[in-house]
Amino acid sequence: MSEKPVSVWLFPGIGAVIGALLVLSLVLSFVEMGRWSTWIHLGIGTVQAALVVWFSMELFESRFSVRMLAIITPLFVLLLVALTAVDPATRPPDEVLVPNPRVPPEQDVHPLPGVAYPSPSGAGAKP
Protein backbone atom coordinates (compact mmCIF):
# COMPACT_ATOMS: atom_id res chain seq x y z
CA MET A 1 0.00 0.00 0.00
CA SER A 2 1.59 3.22 -1.12
CA GLU A 3 0.92 6.33 0.91
CA LYS A 4 0.29 9.64 -0.78
CA PRO A 5 2.59 12.43 0.32
CA VAL A 6 0.95 14.96 2.62
CA SER A 7 1.78 18.62 2.24
CA VAL A 8 3.84 20.14 5.01
CA TRP A 9 1.31 22.98 5.18
CA LEU A 10 -1.72 20.73 5.72
CA PHE A 11 -1.73 20.59 9.50
CA PRO A 12 -0.81 24.25 10.10
CA GLY A 13 -3.51 25.16 7.58
CA ILE A 14 -6.10 23.05 9.37
CA GLY A 15 -5.00 24.61 12.67
CA ALA A 16 -5.50 28.07 11.15
CA VAL A 17 -9.00 27.13 9.93
CA ILE A 18 -9.94 25.80 13.37
CA GLY A 19 -8.54 28.99 14.95
CA ALA A 20 -10.52 31.13 12.51
CA LEU A 21 -13.69 29.21 13.39
CA LEU A 22 -12.90 29.80 17.06
CA VAL A 23 -12.60 33.54 16.47
CA LEU A 24 -15.82 33.48 14.40
CA SER A 25 -17.61 31.73 17.25
CA LEU A 26 -16.29 34.29 19.73
CA VAL A 27 -17.36 37.24 17.56
CA LEU A 28 -20.80 35.74 16.93
CA SER A 29 -21.34 35.26 20.67
CA PHE A 30 -21.65 39.05 20.98
CA VAL A 31 -24.20 39.30 18.12
CA GLU A 32 -27.89 38.95 18.99
CA MET A 33 -29.21 36.20 16.71
CA GLY A 34 -32.19 35.03 18.72
CA ARG A 35 -32.99 31.36 18.64
CA TRP A 36 -30.57 30.74 15.75
CA SER A 37 -27.56 31.43 17.97
CA THR A 38 -27.48 27.93 19.42
CA TRP A 39 -27.78 26.24 16.03
CA ILE A 40 -25.08 28.41 14.45
CA HIS A 41 -22.64 27.73 17.29
CA LEU A 42 -23.42 24.00 17.19
CA GLY A 43 -22.72 24.07 13.44
CA ILE A 44 -19.38 25.80 13.96
CA GLY A 45 -18.46 23.28 16.66
CA THR A 46 -19.45 20.41 14.39
CA VAL A 47 -17.21 21.70 11.60
CA GLN A 48 -14.32 22.06 14.06
CA ALA A 49 -14.84 18.54 15.39
CA ALA A 50 -15.07 17.14 11.85
CA LEU A 51 -11.77 18.82 10.91
CA VAL A 52 -10.07 17.40 14.00
CA VAL A 53 -11.40 13.91 13.34
CA TRP A 54 -10.66 13.95 9.60
CA PHE A 55 -7.15 15.39 9.72
CA SER A 56 -5.70 15.14 13.24
CA MET A 57 -6.83 11.54 13.64
CA GLU A 58 -5.73 10.90 10.03
CA LEU A 59 -9.10 9.49 9.07
CA PHE A 60 -8.53 10.62 5.49
CA GLU A 61 -5.82 7.94 5.19
CA SER A 62 -7.85 5.16 6.83
CA ARG A 63 -9.71 2.27 5.25
CA PHE A 64 -13.34 2.60 4.23
CA SER A 65 -14.54 0.42 7.12
CA VAL A 66 -12.80 2.64 9.67
CA ARG A 67 -14.33 5.74 8.06
CA MET A 68 -17.81 4.21 8.18
CA LEU A 69 -17.31 3.26 11.82
CA ALA A 70 -16.30 6.84 12.61
CA ILE A 71 -19.51 8.10 10.95
CA ILE A 72 -21.97 5.50 12.26
CA THR A 73 -20.85 5.55 15.91
CA PRO A 74 -21.78 9.21 16.64
CA LEU A 75 -25.06 8.75 14.74
CA PHE A 76 -25.90 5.75 16.91
CA VAL A 77 -25.09 7.71 20.08
CA LEU A 78 -27.28 10.57 18.79
CA LEU A 79 -30.12 8.10 18.21
CA LEU A 80 -29.82 6.75 21.77
CA VAL A 81 -29.80 10.27 23.23
CA ALA A 82 -32.86 11.21 21.16
CA LEU A 83 -34.76 8.11 22.27
CA THR A 84 -33.84 8.81 25.89
CA ALA A 85 -35.09 12.39 25.57
CA VAL A 86 -38.36 11.34 23.93
CA ASP A 87 -39.16 8.64 26.49
CA PRO A 88 -40.34 10.92 29.36
CA ALA A 89 -42.29 13.09 26.93
CA THR A 90 -44.43 10.15 25.80
CA ARG A 91 -45.39 8.91 29.27
CA PRO A 92 -48.83 9.70 30.70
CA PRO A 93 -48.86 12.23 33.53
CA ASP A 94 -48.67 10.90 37.07
CA GLU A 95 -51.74 11.12 39.27
CA VAL A 96 -51.55 14.02 41.68
CA LEU A 97 -52.22 12.91 45.25
CA VAL A 98 -52.19 16.39 46.76
CA PRO A 99 -55.56 17.82 47.86
CA ASN A 100 -56.84 20.89 46.07
CA PRO A 101 -56.85 23.76 48.62
CA ARG A 102 -59.54 25.63 46.62
CA VAL A 103 -62.09 22.83 46.99
CA PRO A 104 -63.74 22.12 50.36
CA PRO A 105 -62.63 18.72 51.76
CA GLU A 106 -66.12 17.22 51.51
CA GLN A 107 -66.26 17.97 47.76
CA ASP A 108 -62.68 16.93 47.02
CA VAL A 109 -62.59 13.64 45.13
CA HIS A 110 -59.44 11.63 45.63
CA PRO A 111 -58.10 9.98 42.45
CA LEU A 112 -57.52 6.72 44.34
CA PRO A 113 -60.56 5.85 46.49
CA GLY A 114 -59.78 4.41 49.90
CA VAL A 115 -56.33 5.98 50.13
CA ALA A 116 -55.89 8.36 53.05
CA TYR A 117 -53.96 11.60 52.74
CA PRO A 118 -53.49 14.57 55.08
CA SER A 119 -56.38 17.01 55.23
CA PRO A 120 -55.69 20.69 54.52
CA SER A 121 -56.15 21.51 58.22
CA GLY A 122 -53.70 18.79 59.24
CA ALA A 123 -56.13 17.51 61.91
CA GLY A 124 -56.49 14.04 60.48
CA ALA A 125 -56.75 11.93 57.42
CA LYS A 126 -59.55 11.66 54.93
CA PRO A 127 -60.92 8.09 54.83
C-alpha atoms as a PDB file:
ATOM      1  CA  MET A   1       0.000   0.000   0.000  1.00  0.00           C
ATOM      2  CA  SER A   2       1.588   3.221  -1.121  1.00  0.00           C
ATOM      3  CA  GLU A   3       0.920   6.332   0.912  1.00  0.00           C
ATOM      4  CA  LYS A   4       0.292   9.637  -0.778  1.00  0.00           C
ATOM      5  CA  PRO A   5       2.593  12.429   0.324  1.00  0.00           C
ATOM      6  CA  VAL A   6       0.955  14.962   2.623  1.00  0.00           C
ATOM      7  CA  SER A   7       1.779  18.617   2.240  1.00  0.00           C
ATOM      8  CA  VAL A   8       3.842  20.141   5.010  1.00  0.00           C
ATOM      9  CA  TRP A   9       1.306  22.982   5.177  1.00  0.00           C
ATOM     10  CA  LEU A  10      -1.724  20.731   5.717  1.00  0.00           C
ATOM     11  CA  PHE A  11      -1.734  20.588   9.503  1.00  0.00           C
ATOM     12  CA  PRO A  12      -0.810  24.247  10.098  1.00  0.00           C
ATOM     13  CA  GLY A  13      -3.510  25.161   7.581  1.00  0.00           C
ATOM     14  CA  ILE A  14      -6.105  23.052   9.374  1.00  0.00           C
ATOM     15  CA  GLY A  15      -5.003  24.611  12.670  1.00  0.00           C
ATOM     16  CA  ALA A  16      -5.503  28.067  11.150  1.00  0.00           C
ATOM     17  CA  VAL A  17      -8.995  27.131   9.929  1.00  0.00           C
ATOM     18  CA  ILE A  18      -9.936  25.800  13.374  1.00  0.00           C
ATOM     19  CA  GLY A  19      -8.540  28.993  14.953  1.00  0.00           C
ATOM     20  CA  ALA A  20     -10.521  31.128  12.507  1.00  0.00           C
ATOM     21  CA  LEU A  21     -13.688  29.212  13.389  1.00  0.00           C
ATOM     22  CA  LEU A  22     -12.899  29.800  17.058  1.00  0.00           C
ATOM     23  CA  VAL A  23     -12.602  33.544  16.467  1.00  0.00           C
ATOM     24  CA  LEU A  24     -15.816  33.481  14.402  1.00  0.00           C
ATOM     25  CA  SER A  25     -17.612  31.729  17.255  1.00  0.00           C
ATOM     26  CA  LEU A  26     -16.291  34.293  19.731  1.00  0.00           C
ATOM     27  CA  VAL A  27     -17.362  37.239  17.561  1.00  0.00           C
ATOM     28  CA  LEU A  28     -20.803  35.741  16.930  1.00  0.00           C
ATOM     29  CA  SER A  29     -21.340  35.262  20.668  1.00  0.00           C
ATOM     30  CA  PHE A  30     -21.650  39.051  20.975  1.00  0.00           C
ATOM     31  CA  VAL A  31     -24.196  39.300  18.120  1.00  0.00           C
ATOM     32  CA  GLU A  32     -27.885  38.947  18.990  1.00  0.00           C
ATOM     33  CA  MET A  33     -29.207  36.202  16.706  1.00  0.00           C
ATOM     34  CA  GLY A  34     -32.186  35.030  18.723  1.00  0.00           C
ATOM     35  CA  ARG A  35     -32.990  31.359  18.636  1.00  0.00           C
ATOM     36  CA  TRP A  36     -30.565  30.742  15.745  1.00  0.00           C
ATOM     37  CA  SER A  37     -27.555  31.434  17.973  1.00  0.00           C
ATOM     38  CA  THR A  38     -27.484  27.928  19.421  1.00  0.00           C
ATOM     39  CA  TRP A  39     -27.777  26.237  16.030  1.00  0.00           C
ATOM     40  CA  ILE A  40     -25.075  28.409  14.449  1.00  0.00           C
ATOM     41  CA  HIS A  41     -22.639  27.725  17.288  1.00  0.00           C
ATOM     42  CA  LEU A  42     -23.420  23.999  17.189  1.00  0.00           C
ATOM     43  CA  GLY A  43     -22.724  24.065  13.445  1.00  0.00           C
ATOM     44  CA  ILE A  44     -19.380  25.799  13.963  1.00  0.00           C
ATOM     45  CA  GLY A  45     -18.461  23.279  16.657  1.00  0.00           C
ATOM     46  CA  THR A  46     -19.455  20.408  14.389  1.00  0.00           C
ATOM     47  CA  VAL A  47     -17.212  21.697  11.605  1.00  0.00           C
ATOM     48  CA  GLN A  48     -14.323  22.064  14.061  1.00  0.00           C
ATOM     49  CA  ALA A  49     -14.838  18.539  15.389  1.00  0.00           C
ATOM     50  CA  ALA A  50     -15.071  17.144  11.852  1.00  0.00           C
ATOM     51  CA  LEU A  51     -11.766  18.822  10.911  1.00  0.00           C
ATOM     52  CA  VAL A  52     -10.070  17.396  14.003  1.00  0.00           C
ATOM     53  CA  VAL A  53     -11.403  13.906  13.340  1.00  0.00           C
ATOM     54  CA  TRP A  54     -10.662  13.950   9.605  1.00  0.00           C
ATOM     55  CA  PHE A  55      -7.146  15.391   9.719  1.00  0.00           C
ATOM     56  CA  SER A  56      -5.699  15.140  13.239  1.00  0.00           C
ATOM     57  CA  MET A  57      -6.834  11.542  13.635  1.00  0.00           C
ATOM     58  CA  GLU A  58      -5.729  10.898  10.027  1.00  0.00           C
ATOM     59  CA  LEU A  59      -9.103   9.491   9.075  1.00  0.00           C
ATOM     60  CA  PHE A  60      -8.534  10.616   5.492  1.00  0.00           C
ATOM     61  CA  GLU A  61      -5.820   7.939   5.188  1.00  0.00           C
ATOM     62  CA  SER A  62      -7.854   5.161   6.826  1.00  0.00           C
ATOM     63  CA  ARG A  63      -9.707   2.265   5.250  1.00  0.00           C
ATOM     64  CA  PHE A  64     -13.342   2.596   4.232  1.00  0.00           C
ATOM     65  CA  SER A  65     -14.537   0.417   7.119  1.00  0.00           C
ATOM     66  CA  VAL A  66     -12.797   2.644   9.672  1.00  0.00           C
ATOM     67  CA  ARG A  67     -14.334   5.741   8.062  1.00  0.00           C
ATOM     68  CA  MET A  68     -17.805   4.206   8.185  1.00  0.00           C
ATOM     69  CA  LEU A  69     -17.315   3.264  11.822  1.00  0.00           C
ATOM     70  CA  ALA A  70     -16.305   6.843  12.608  1.00  0.00           C
ATOM     71  CA  ILE A  71     -19.513   8.101  10.950  1.00  0.00           C
ATOM     72  CA  ILE A  72     -21.969   5.504  12.262  1.00  0.00           C
ATOM     73  CA  THR A  73     -20.854   5.554  15.908  1.00  0.00           C
ATOM     74  CA  PRO A  74     -21.784   9.210  16.637  1.00  0.00           C
ATOM     75  CA  LEU A  75     -25.056   8.755  14.743  1.00  0.00           C
ATOM     76  CA  PHE A  76     -25.899   5.753  16.914  1.00  0.00           C
ATOM     77  CA  VAL A  77     -25.086   7.713  20.077  1.00  0.00           C
ATOM     78  CA  LEU A  78     -27.282  10.572  18.788  1.00  0.00           C
ATOM     79  CA  LEU A  79     -30.122   8.096  18.207  1.00  0.00           C
ATOM     80  CA  LEU A  80     -29.817   6.754  21.765  1.00  0.00           C
ATOM     81  CA  VAL A  81     -29.801  10.274  23.235  1.00  0.00           C
ATOM     82  CA  ALA A  82     -32.863  11.209  21.161  1.00  0.00           C
ATOM     83  CA  LEU A  83     -34.762   8.109  22.270  1.00  0.00           C
ATOM     84  CA  THR A  84     -33.842   8.809  25.888  1.00  0.00           C
ATOM     85  CA  ALA A  85     -35.089  12.394  25.566  1.00  0.00           C
ATOM     86  CA  VAL A  86     -38.359  11.340  23.929  1.00  0.00           C
ATOM     87  CA  ASP A  87     -39.159   8.637  26.490  1.00  0.00           C
ATOM     88  CA  PRO A  88     -40.341  10.922  29.358  1.00  0.00           C
ATOM     89  CA  ALA A  89     -42.290  13.094  26.925  1.00  0.00           C
ATOM     90  CA  THR A  90     -44.425  10.146  25.802  1.00  0.00           C
ATOM     91  CA  ARG A  91     -45.388   8.909  29.271  1.00  0.00           C
ATOM     92  CA  PRO A  92     -48.830   9.695  30.697  1.00  0.00           C
ATOM     93  CA  PRO A  93     -48.858  12.234  33.532  1.00  0.00           C
ATOM     94  CA  ASP A  94     -48.673  10.904  37.074  1.00  0.00           C
ATOM     95  CA  GLU A  95     -51.743  11.123  39.271  1.00  0.00           C
ATOM     96  CA  VAL A  96     -51.552  14.021  41.684  1.00  0.00           C
ATOM     97  CA  LEU A  97     -52.220  12.910  45.249  1.00  0.00           C
ATOM     98  CA  VAL A  98     -52.192  16.393  46.760  1.00  0.00           C
ATOM     99  CA  PRO A  99     -55.564  17.822  47.859  1.00  0.00           C
ATOM    100  CA  ASN A 100     -56.842  20.889  46.067  1.00  0.00           C
ATOM    101  CA  PRO A 101     -56.846  23.761  48.616  1.00  0.00           C
ATOM    102  CA  ARG A 102     -59.539  25.634  46.625  1.00  0.00           C
ATOM    103  CA  VAL A 103     -62.086  22.835  46.994  1.00  0.00           C
ATOM    104  CA  PRO A 104     -63.736  22.116  50.361  1.00  0.00           C
ATOM    105  CA  PRO A 105     -62.628  18.720  51.757  1.00  0.00           C
ATOM    106  CA  GLU A 106     -66.121  17.225  51.515  1.00  0.00           C
ATOM    107  CA  GLN A 107     -66.258  17.969  47.764  1.00  0.00           C
ATOM    108  CA  ASP A 108     -62.678  16.926  47.016  1.00  0.00           C
ATOM    109  CA  VAL A 109     -62.588  13.639  45.134  1.00  0.00           C
ATOM    110  CA  HIS A 110     -59.443  11.626  45.631  1.00  0.00           C
ATOM    111  CA  PRO A 111     -58.096   9.977  42.453  1.00  0.00           C
ATOM    112  CA  LEU A 112     -57.522   6.718  44.343  1.00  0.00           C
ATOM    113  CA  PRO A 113     -60.564   5.855  46.494  1.00  0.00           C
ATOM    114  CA  GLY A 114     -59.784   4.412  49.903  1.00  0.00           C
ATOM    115  CA  VAL A 115     -56.327   5.983  50.133  1.00  0.00           C
ATOM    116  CA  ALA A 116     -55.890   8.362  53.047  1.00  0.00           C
ATOM    117  CA  TYR A 117     -53.959  11.600  52.736  1.00  0.00           C
ATOM    118  CA  PRO A 118     -53.491  14.567  55.078  1.00  0.00           C
ATOM    119  CA  SER A 119     -56.377  17.005  55.233  1.00  0.00           C
ATOM    120  CA  PRO A 120     -55.687  20.695  54.524  1.00  0.00           C
ATOM    121  CA  SER A 121     -56.149  21.515  58.220  1.00  0.00           C
ATOM    122  CA  GLY A 122     -53.697  18.792  59.242  1.00  0.00           C
ATOM    123  CA  ALA A 123     -56.128  17.511  61.914  1.00  0.00           C
ATOM    124  CA  GLY A 124     -56.495  14.037  60.482  1.00  0.00           C
ATOM    125  CA  ALA A 125     -56.754  11.928  57.421  1.00  0.00           C
ATOM    126  CA  LYS A 126     -59.551  11.659  54.929  1.00  0.00           C
ATOM    127  CA  PRO A 127     -60.918   8.093  54.829  1.00  0.00           C
END
